[in-house]
Amino acid sequence: MNFFWSKKTPDVLYTVIVCKSCSERQTRAFADGDVVLAEAKCTKCAGSARIEMIYSAPPMQQ
């Protein structure tokens, strides 16, 4: 089996953001410039949030 020419689709990158005020946890697609512990804004309460984790996962099957 030759892995160099396999037709496996690449993994998708995700960013997890956690609000410091309301503890809302949001997962979204990774964007250029995302770094762990960077400050962000909560979409629920508009409070201060932080990027807690960046991870990869296989694409969802349809």
PDB file of N, CA and C in Angstrom:
ATOM      1  N   MET A   1       0.841  -1.168   0.000  1.00  0.00           N
ATOM      2  CA  MET A   1       0.000   0.000   0.000  1.00  0.00           C
ATOM      3  C   MET A   1       0.893   1.241   0.000  1.00  0.00           C
ATOM      4  N   ASN A   2       0.644   2.156  -0.907  1.00  0.00           N
ATOM      5  CA  ASN A   2       1.455   3.351  -1.030  1.00  0.00           C
ATOM      6  C   ASN A   2       0.696   4.552  -0.486  1.00  0.00           C
ATOM      7  N   PHE A   3       1.174   5.133   0.610  1.00  0.00           N
ATOM      8  CA  PHE A   3       0.484   6.225   1.265  1.00  0.00           C
ATOM      9  C   PHE A   3       0.729   7.575   0.597  1.00  0.00           C
ATOM     10  N   PHE A   4       1.764   7.694  -0.182  1.00  0.00           N
ATOM     11  CA  PHE A   4       2.080   8.976  -0.804  1.00  0.00           C
ATOM     12  C   PHE A   4       1.069   9.375  -1.862  1.00  0.00           C
ATOM     13  N   TRP A   5       0.433   8.427  -2.488  1.00  0.00           N
ATOM     14  CA  TRP A   5      -0.510   8.724  -3.551  1.00  0.00           C
ATOM     15  C   TRP A   5      -1.944   8.387  -3.164  1.00  0.00           C
ATOM     16  N   SER A   6      -2.215   8.284  -1.882  1.00  0.00           N
ATOM     17  CA  SER A   6      -3.581   7.975  -1.469  1.00  0.00           C
ATOM     18  C   SER A   6      -4.470   9.190  -1.723  1.00  0.00           C
ATOM     19  N   LYS A   7      -5.740   8.936  -1.889  1.00  0.00           N
ATOM     20  CA  LYS A   7      -6.686  10.005  -2.189  1.00  0.00           C
ATOM     21  C   LYS A   7      -7.448  10.442  -0.940  1.00  0.00           C
ATOM     22  N   LYS A   8      -6.801  10.326   0.200  1.00  0.00           N
ATOM     23  CA  LYS A   8      -7.412  10.736   1.457  1.00  0.00           C
ATOM     24  C   LYS A   8      -7.573  12.250   1.459  1.00  0.00           C
ATOM     25  N   THR A   9      -8.734  12.716   1.897  1.00  0.00           N
ATOM     26  CA  THR A   9      -8.951  14.157   1.977  1.00  0.00           C
ATOM     27  C   THR A   9      -8.248  14.709   3.211  1.00  0.00           C
ATOM     28  N   PRO A  10      -7.748  15.924   3.130  1.00  0.00           N
ATOM     29  CA  PRO A  10      -7.020  16.495   4.275  1.00  0.00           C
ATOM     30  C   PRO A  10      -7.971  16.798   5.435  1.00  0.00           C
ATOM     31  N   ASP A  11      -7.420  16.805   6.642  1.00  0.00           N
ATOM     32  CA  ASP A  11      -8.207  17.130   7.828  1.00  0.00           C
ATOM     33  C   ASP A  11      -8.595  18.606   7.821  1.00  0.00           C
ATOM     34  N   VAL A  12      -9.667  18.919   8.543  1.00  0.00           N
ATOM     35  CA  VAL A  12     -10.155  20.283   8.676  1.00  0.00           C
ATOM     36  C   VAL A  12      -9.680  20.827  10.023  1.00  0.00           C
ATOM     37  N   LEU A  13      -9.226  22.085  10.057  1.00  0.00           N
ATOM     38  CA  LEU A  13      -8.766  22.714  11.299  1.00  0.00           C
ATOM     39  C   LEU A  13      -9.906  23.486  11.956  1.00  0.00           C
ATOM     40  N   TYR A  14      -9.999  23.366  13.282  1.00  0.00           N
ATOM     41  CA  TYR A  14     -11.027  24.056  14.060  1.00  0.00           C
ATOM     42  C   TYR A  14     -10.373  24.854  15.180  1.00  0.00           C
ATOM     43  N   THR A  15     -11.043  25.942  15.590  1.00  0.00           N
ATOM     44  CA  THR A  15     -10.612  26.784  16.695  1.00  0.00           C
ATOM     45  C   THR A  15     -11.703  26.766  17.759  1.00  0.00           C
ATOM     46  N   VAL A  16     -11.316  26.576  19.023  1.00  0.00           N
ATOM     47  CA  VAL A  16     -12.259  26.586  20.137  1.00  0.00           C
ATOM     48  C   VAL A  16     -12.027  27.864  20.938  1.00  0.00           C
ATOM     49  N   ILE A  17     -13.113  28.645  21.116  1.00  0.00           N
ATOM     50  CA  ILE A  17     -13.059  29.909  21.841  1.00  0.00           C
ATOM     51  C   ILE A  17     -13.948  29.784  23.078  1.00  0.00           C
ATOM     52  N   VAL A  18     -13.431  30.186  24.253  1.00  0.00           N
ATOM     53  CA  VAL A  18     -14.183  30.120  25.508  1.00  0.00           C
ATOM     54  C   VAL A  18     -14.265  31.522  26.102  1.00  0.00           C
ATOM     55  N   CYS A  19     -15.498  31.923  26.474  1.00  0.00           N
ATOM     56  CA  CYS A  19     -15.725  33.236  27.087  1.00  0.00           C
ATOM     57  C   CYS A  19     -15.328  33.196  28.554  1.00  0.00           C
ATOM     58  N   LYS A  20     -14.664  34.256  29.006  1.00  0.00           N
ATOM     59  CA  LYS A  20     -14.266  34.358  30.414  1.00  0.00           C
ATOM     60  C   LYS A  20     -15.439  34.724  31.309  1.00  0.00           C
ATOM     61  N   SER A  21     -16.442  35.411  30.774  1.00  0.00           N
ATOM     62  CA  SER A  21     -17.581  35.876  31.569  1.00  0.00           C
ATOM     63  C   SER A  21     -18.685  34.834  31.693  1.00  0.00           C
ATOM     64  N   CYS A  22     -19.200  34.382  30.551  1.00  0.00           N
ATOM     65  CA  CYS A  22     -20.365  33.486  30.569  1.00  0.00           C
ATOM     66  C   CYS A  22     -20.001  32.019  30.323  1.00  0.00           C
ATOM     67  N   SER A  23     -18.751  31.713  30.100  1.00  0.00           N
ATOM     68  CA  SER A  23     -18.256  30.344  29.862  1.00  0.00           C
ATOM     69  C   SER A  23     -18.818  29.708  28.592  1.00  0.00           C
ATOM     70  N   GLU A  24     -19.335  30.523  27.677  1.00  0.00           N
ATOM     71  CA  GLU A  24     -19.820  30.014  26.383  1.00  0.00           C
ATOM     72  C   GLU A  24     -18.638  29.414  25.619  1.00  0.00           C
ATOM     73  N   ARG A  25     -18.850  28.244  25.034  1.00  0.00           N
ATOM     74  CA  ARG A  25     -17.801  27.552  24.279  1.00  0.00           C
ATOM     75  C   ARG A  25     -18.228  27.505  22.812  1.00  0.00           C
ATOM     76  N   GLN A  26     -17.403  28.056  21.939  1.00  0.00           N
ATOM     77  CA  GLN A  26     -17.721  28.135  20.516  1.00  0.00           C
ATOM     78  C   GLN A  26     -16.633  27.436  19.720  1.00  0.00           C
ATOM     79  N   THR A  27     -17.037  26.605  18.777  1.00  0.00           N
ATOM     80  CA  THR A  27     -16.104  25.964  17.855  1.00  0.00           C
ATOM     81  C   THR A  27     -16.387  26.503  16.462  1.00  0.00           C
ATOM     82  N   ARG A  28     -15.336  26.951  15.802  1.00  0.00           N
ATOM     83  CA  ARG A  28     -15.490  27.490  14.442  1.00  0.00           C
ATOM     84  C   ARG A  28     -14.321  27.028  13.589  1.00  0.00           C
ATOM     85  N   ALA A  29     -14.431  27.260  12.295  1.00  0.00           N
ATOM     86  CA  ALA A  29     -13.344  26.914  11.379  1.00  0.00           C
ATOM     87  C   ALA A  29     -12.121  27.778  11.691  1.00  0.00           C
ATOM     88  N   PHE A  30     -10.947  27.198  11.591  1.00  0.00           N
ATOM     89  CA  PHE A  30      -9.693  27.910  11.822  1.00  0.00           C
ATOM     90  C   PHE A  30      -9.555  29.042  10.821  1.00  0.00           C
ATOM     91  N   ALA A  31      -9.048  30.175  11.279  1.00  0.00           N
ATOM     92  CA  ALA A  31      -8.787  31.324  10.408  1.00  0.00           C
ATOM     93  C   ALA A  31      -7.315  31.700  10.542  1.00  0.00           C
ATOM     94  N   ASP A  32      -6.734  32.214   9.467  1.00  0.00           N
ATOM     95  CA  ASP A  32      -5.347  32.671   9.525  1.00  0.00           C
ATOM     96  C   ASP A  32      -5.201  33.681  10.653  1.00  0.00           C
ATOM     97  N   GLY A  33      -4.152  33.547  11.437  1.00  0.00           N
ATOM     98  CA  GLY A  33      -3.909  34.455  12.542  1.00  0.00           C
ATOM     99  C   GLY A  33      -4.387  33.924  13.882  1.00  0.00           C
ATOM    100  N   ASP A  34      -5.161  32.815  13.884  1.00  0.00           N
ATOM    101  CA  ASP A  34      -5.592  32.219  15.153  1.00  0.00           C
ATOM    102  C   ASP A  34      -4.393  31.619  15.876  1.00  0.00           C
ATOM    103  N   VAL A  35      -4.231  31.993  17.137  1.00  0.00           N
ATOM    104  CA  VAL A  35      -3.174  31.435  17.983  1.00  0.00           C
ATOM    105  C   VAL A  35      -3.776  31.139  19.355  1.00  0.00           C
ATOM    106  N   VAL A  36      -3.291  30.102  20.003  1.00  0.00           N
ATOM    107  CA  VAL A  36      -3.783  29.728  21.320  1.00  0.00           C
ATOM    108  C   VAL A  36      -3.488  30.853  22.309  1.00  0.00           C
ATOM    109  N   LEU A  37      -4.450  31.133  23.167  1.00  0.00           N
ATOM    110  CA  LEU A  37      -4.421  32.176  24.205  1.00  0.00           C
ATOM    111  C   LEU A  37      -4.603  33.587  23.664  1.00  0.00           C
ATOM    112  N   ALA A  38      -4.924  33.733  22.381  1.00  0.00           N
ATOM    113  CA  ALA A  38      -5.198  35.063  21.835  1.00  0.00           C
ATOM    114  C   ALA A  38      -6.574  35.525  22.312  1.00  0.00           C
ATOM    115  N   GLU A  39      -6.735  36.821  22.482  1.00  0.00           N
ATOM    116  CA  GLU A  39      -8.005  37.391  22.921  1.00  0.00           C
ATOM    117  C   GLU A  39      -8.991  37.431  21.754  1.00  0.00           C
ATOM    118  N   ALA A  40     -10.271  37.247  22.078  1.00  0.00           N
ATOM    119  CA  ALA A  40     -11.346  37.306  21.093  1.00  0.00           C
ATOM    120  C   ALA A  40     -12.552  37.919  21.780  1.00  0.00           C
ATOM    121  N   LYS A  41     -13.656  38.049  21.067  1.00  0.00           N
ATOM    122  CA  LYS A  41     -14.878  38.604  21.637  1.00  0.00           C
ATOM    123  C   LYS A  41     -15.963  37.533  21.618  1.00  0.00           C
ATOM    124  N   CYS A  42     -16.684  37.412  22.730  1.00  0.00           N
ATOM    125  CA  CYS A  42     -17.763  36.423  22.856  1.00  0.00           C
ATOM    126  C   CYS A  42     -18.927  36.830  21.955  1.00  0.00           C
ATOM    127  N   THR A  43     -19.486  35.871  21.229  1.00  0.00           N
ATOM    128  CA  THR A  43     -20.622  36.159  20.354  1.00  0.00           C
ATOM    129  C   THR A  43     -21.941  36.173  21.118  1.00  0.00           C
ATOM    130  N   LYS A  44     -21.956  35.639  22.335  1.00  0.00           N
ATOM    131  CA  LYS A  44     -23.184  35.586  23.129  1.00  0.00           C
ATOM    132  C   LYS A  44     -23.352  36.834  24.002  1.00  0.00           C
ATOM    133  N   CYS A  45     -22.322  37.191  24.774  1.00  0.00           N
ATOM    134  CA  CYS A  45     -22.450  38.310  25.722  1.00  0.00           C
ATOM    135  C   CYS A  45     -21.553  39.494  25.378  1.00  0.00           C
ATOM    136  N   ALA A  46     -20.776  39.401  24.324  1.00  0.00           N
ATOM    137  CA  ALA A  46     -19.837  40.442  23.882  1.00  0.00           C
ATOM    138  C   ALA A  46     -18.724  40.680  24.904  1.00  0.00           C
ATOM    139  N   GLY A  47     -18.537  39.730  25.811  1.00  0.00           N
ATOM    140  CA  GLY A  47     -17.461  39.824  26.788  1.00  0.00           C
ATOM    141  C   GLY A  47     -16.132  39.364  26.209  1.00  0.00           C
ATOM    142  N   SER A  48     -15.122  39.331  27.057  1.00  0.00           N
ATOM    143  CA  SER A  48     -13.787  38.924  26.654  1.00  0.00           C
ATOM    144  C   SER A  48     -13.705  37.392  26.589  1.00  0.00           C
ATOM    145  N   ALA A  49     -13.160  36.887  25.507  1.00  0.00           N
ATOM    146  CA  ALA A  49     -13.006  35.446  25.320  1.00  0.00           C
ATOM    147  C   ALA A  49     -11.569  35.156  24.927  1.00  0.00           C
ATOM    148  N   ARG A  50     -11.215  33.875  24.914  1.00  0.00           N
ATOM    149  CA  ARG A  50      -9.851  33.478  24.593  1.00  0.00           C
ATOM    150  C   ARG A  50      -9.874  32.213  23.747  1.00  0.00           C
ATOM    151  N   ILE A  51      -8.955  32.119  22.794  1.00  0.00           N
ATOM    152  CA  ILE A  51      -8.793  30.894  22.016  1.00  0.00           C
ATOM    153  C   ILE A  51      -8.115  29.867  22.920  1.00  0.00           C
ATOM    154  N   GLU A  52      -8.817  28.772  23.211  1.00  0.00           N
ATOM    155  CA  GLU A  52      -8.315  27.753  24.127  1.00  0.00           C
ATOM    156  C   GLU A  52      -7.604  26.609  23.412  1.00  0.00           C
ATOM    157  N   MET A  53      -8.047  26.300  22.184  1.00  0.00           N
ATOM    158  CA  MET A  53      -7.507  25.116  21.524  1.00  0.00           C
ATOM    159  C   MET A  53      -7.675  25.239  20.010  1.00  0.00           C
ATOM    160  N   ILE A  54      -6.736  24.669  19.279  1.00  0.00           N
ATOM    161  CA  ILE A  54      -6.817  24.518  17.829  1.00  0.00           C
ATOM    162  C   ILE A  54      -6.546  23.050  17.543  1.00  0.00           C
ATOM    163  N   TYR A  55      -7.453  22.409  16.787  1.00  0.00           N
ATOM    164  CA  TYR A  55      -7.280  20.980  16.525  1.00  0.00           C
ATOM    165  C   TYR A  55      -7.725  20.642  15.114  1.00  0.00           C
ATOM    166  N   SER A  56      -7.380  19.457  14.658  1.00  0.00           N
ATOM    167  CA  SER A  56      -7.788  18.992  13.342  1.00  0.00           C
ATOM    168  C   SER A  56      -8.668  17.767  13.494  1.00  0.00           C
ATOM    169  N   ALA A  57      -9.568  17.602  12.542  1.00  0.00           N
ATOM    170  CA  ALA A  57     -10.470  16.457  12.534  1.00  0.00           C
ATOM    171  C   ALA A  57     -10.754  16.088  11.081  1.00  0.00           C
ATOM    172  N   PRO A  58     -11.079  14.820  10.817  1.00  0.00           N
ATOM    173  CA  PRO A  58     -11.419  14.445   9.452  1.00  0.00           C
ATOM    174  C   PRO A  58     -12.679  15.162   9.009  1.00  0.00           C
ATOM    175  N   PRO A  59     -12.818  15.436   7.718  1.00  0.00           N
ATOM    176  CA  PRO A  59     -14.024  16.108   7.229  1.00  0.00           C
ATOM    177  C   PRO A  59     -15.256  15.245   7.486  1.00  0.00           C
ATOM    178  N   MET A  60     -16.396  15.908   7.670  1.00  0.00           N
ATOM    179  CA  MET A  60     -17.640  15.192   7.936  1.00  0.00           C
ATOM    180  C   MET A  60     -18.104  14.469   6.675  1.00  0.00           C
ATOM    181  N   GLN A  61     -18.590  13.249   6.840  1.00  0.00           N
ATOM    182  CA  GLN A  61     -19.109  12.466   5.720  1.00  0.00           C
ATOM    183  C   GLN A  61     -20.530  12.913   5.398  1.00  0.00           C
ATOM    184  N   GLN A  62     -20.892  12.942   4.127  1.00  0.00           N
ATOM    185  CA  GLN A  62     -22.248  13.327   3.743  1.00  0.00           C
ATOM    186  C   GLN A  62     -23.011  12.156   3.223  1.00  0.00           C
TER     187      GLN A  62
END
